[in-house]
Amino acid sequence: MKIPAKDFKIGILMECGCTALGTVKNPGEDEVVGCGLHGCTEAASREPGLVGRKARCSYGGNEVPSSLKLPFFKFCPDRPYDEYYCGCYGWD
């Protein structure tokens, strides 16, 4: 399911496993919520069960409880940890 750009909010999980980073505009199509990293514009059909799961920073290794609100979060169901970015290398 595609979500119109006007409905963007933090925490929308995309089919690629990432949370939406913003909006995507492909030629000839309306602007929609998407993952700019993978070009994915399809929202996941349901939210994953994150209770008890941990997310590990891809760079610094910091671990926190998994949440769709984490920056650059990626749900990795086939791995022991989900991924996110803790800001350890800055935000610019």
Protein backbone atom coordinates (compact mmCIF):
# COMPACT_ATOMS: atom_id res chain seq x y z
CA MET A 1 0.00 0.00 0.00
CA LYS A 2 1.34 3.42 -0.94
CA ILE A 3 0.85 6.29 1.52
CA PRO A 4 0.43 9.86 0.20
CA ALA A 5 3.25 12.25 1.11
CA LYS A 6 0.87 14.41 3.15
CA ASP A 7 0.41 11.48 5.57
CA PHE A 8 4.13 11.07 6.35
CA LYS A 9 4.99 10.56 10.02
CA ILE A 10 7.86 9.02 11.96
CA GLY A 11 7.55 5.27 12.42
CA ILE A 12 6.00 4.03 9.16
CA LEU A 13 7.52 0.65 8.32
CA MET A 14 8.16 -0.03 4.65
CA GLU A 15 8.21 -3.43 2.89
CA CYS A 16 12.03 -3.27 2.69
CA GLY A 17 12.14 -3.38 6.52
CA CYS A 18 13.23 0.25 6.98
CA THR A 19 11.14 2.97 8.52
CA ALA A 20 10.27 5.69 6.03
CA LEU A 21 12.85 8.47 5.93
CA GLY A 22 10.66 10.90 4.03
CA THR A 23 8.91 10.99 0.71
CA VAL A 24 9.75 9.72 -2.77
CA LYS A 25 8.67 11.23 -6.10
CA ASN A 26 9.08 9.04 -9.16
CA PRO A 27 8.50 10.53 -12.64
CA GLY A 28 4.84 10.42 -13.61
CA GLU A 29 3.70 9.35 -10.13
CA ASP A 30 2.40 11.14 -7.07
CA GLU A 31 4.77 11.85 -4.18
CA VAL A 32 4.47 9.10 -1.55
CA VAL A 33 6.03 8.06 1.75
CA GLY A 34 9.13 5.96 1.14
CA CYS A 35 12.55 4.69 2.00
CA GLY A 36 15.10 6.78 0.14
CA LEU A 37 17.81 4.22 0.78
CA HIS A 38 16.10 1.41 -1.14
CA GLY A 39 13.57 3.39 -3.20
CA CYS A 40 10.78 1.36 -1.56
CA THR A 41 7.37 3.04 -1.73
CA GLU A 42 5.21 0.19 -0.38
CA ALA A 43 4.28 0.37 3.30
CA ALA A 44 4.40 -2.90 5.22
CA SER A 45 1.01 -4.57 5.49
CA ARG A 46 1.40 -4.86 9.28
CA GLU A 47 3.72 -3.76 12.06
CA PRO A 48 6.14 -6.36 13.39
CA GLY A 49 6.12 -7.58 16.97
CA LEU A 50 9.10 -5.82 18.51
CA VAL A 51 8.51 -6.75 22.16
CA GLY A 52 11.73 -8.21 23.55
CA ARG A 53 13.77 -7.42 20.43
CA LYS A 54 16.90 -5.28 20.50
CA ALA A 55 18.31 -2.94 17.88
CA ARG A 56 22.04 -2.47 17.48
CA CYS A 57 23.65 0.64 16.02
CA SER A 58 25.19 -0.28 12.67
CA TYR A 59 28.30 1.76 13.47
CA GLY A 60 28.83 2.03 17.22
CA GLY A 61 27.26 -1.22 18.38
CA ASN A 62 25.05 0.45 21.02
CA GLU A 63 21.98 -1.66 21.86
CA VAL A 64 18.51 -0.39 22.74
CA PRO A 65 15.00 -1.88 22.67
CA SER A 66 13.73 -2.05 19.09
CA SER A 67 11.27 0.67 18.11
CA LEU A 68 9.89 2.05 14.87
CA LYS A 69 10.71 5.51 16.27
CA LEU A 70 14.50 4.90 16.27
CA PRO A 71 16.48 6.88 13.66
CA PHE A 72 17.21 4.88 10.51
CA PHE A 73 15.53 1.81 12.01
CA LYS A 74 15.51 -1.43 10.00
CA PHE A 75 13.55 -4.50 11.08
CA CYS A 76 15.68 -7.63 10.52
CA PRO A 77 13.42 -10.60 11.36
CA ASP A 78 15.97 -13.23 10.31
CA ARG A 79 18.75 -11.80 12.48
CA PRO A 80 19.21 -11.58 16.24
CA TYR A 81 19.24 -7.74 16.18
CA ASP A 82 17.42 -5.05 14.27
CA GLU A 83 19.48 -2.06 13.07
CA TYR A 84 19.40 1.68 13.74
CA TYR A 85 21.78 4.63 13.93
CA CYS A 86 22.53 6.08 17.38
CA GLY A 87 24.23 9.26 16.15
CA CYS A 88 27.72 8.13 17.20
CA TYR A 89 29.28 9.70 14.09
CA GLY A 90 27.17 12.86 14.16
CA TRP A 91 24.07 13.94 12.28
CA ASP A 92 25.41 16.14 9.47
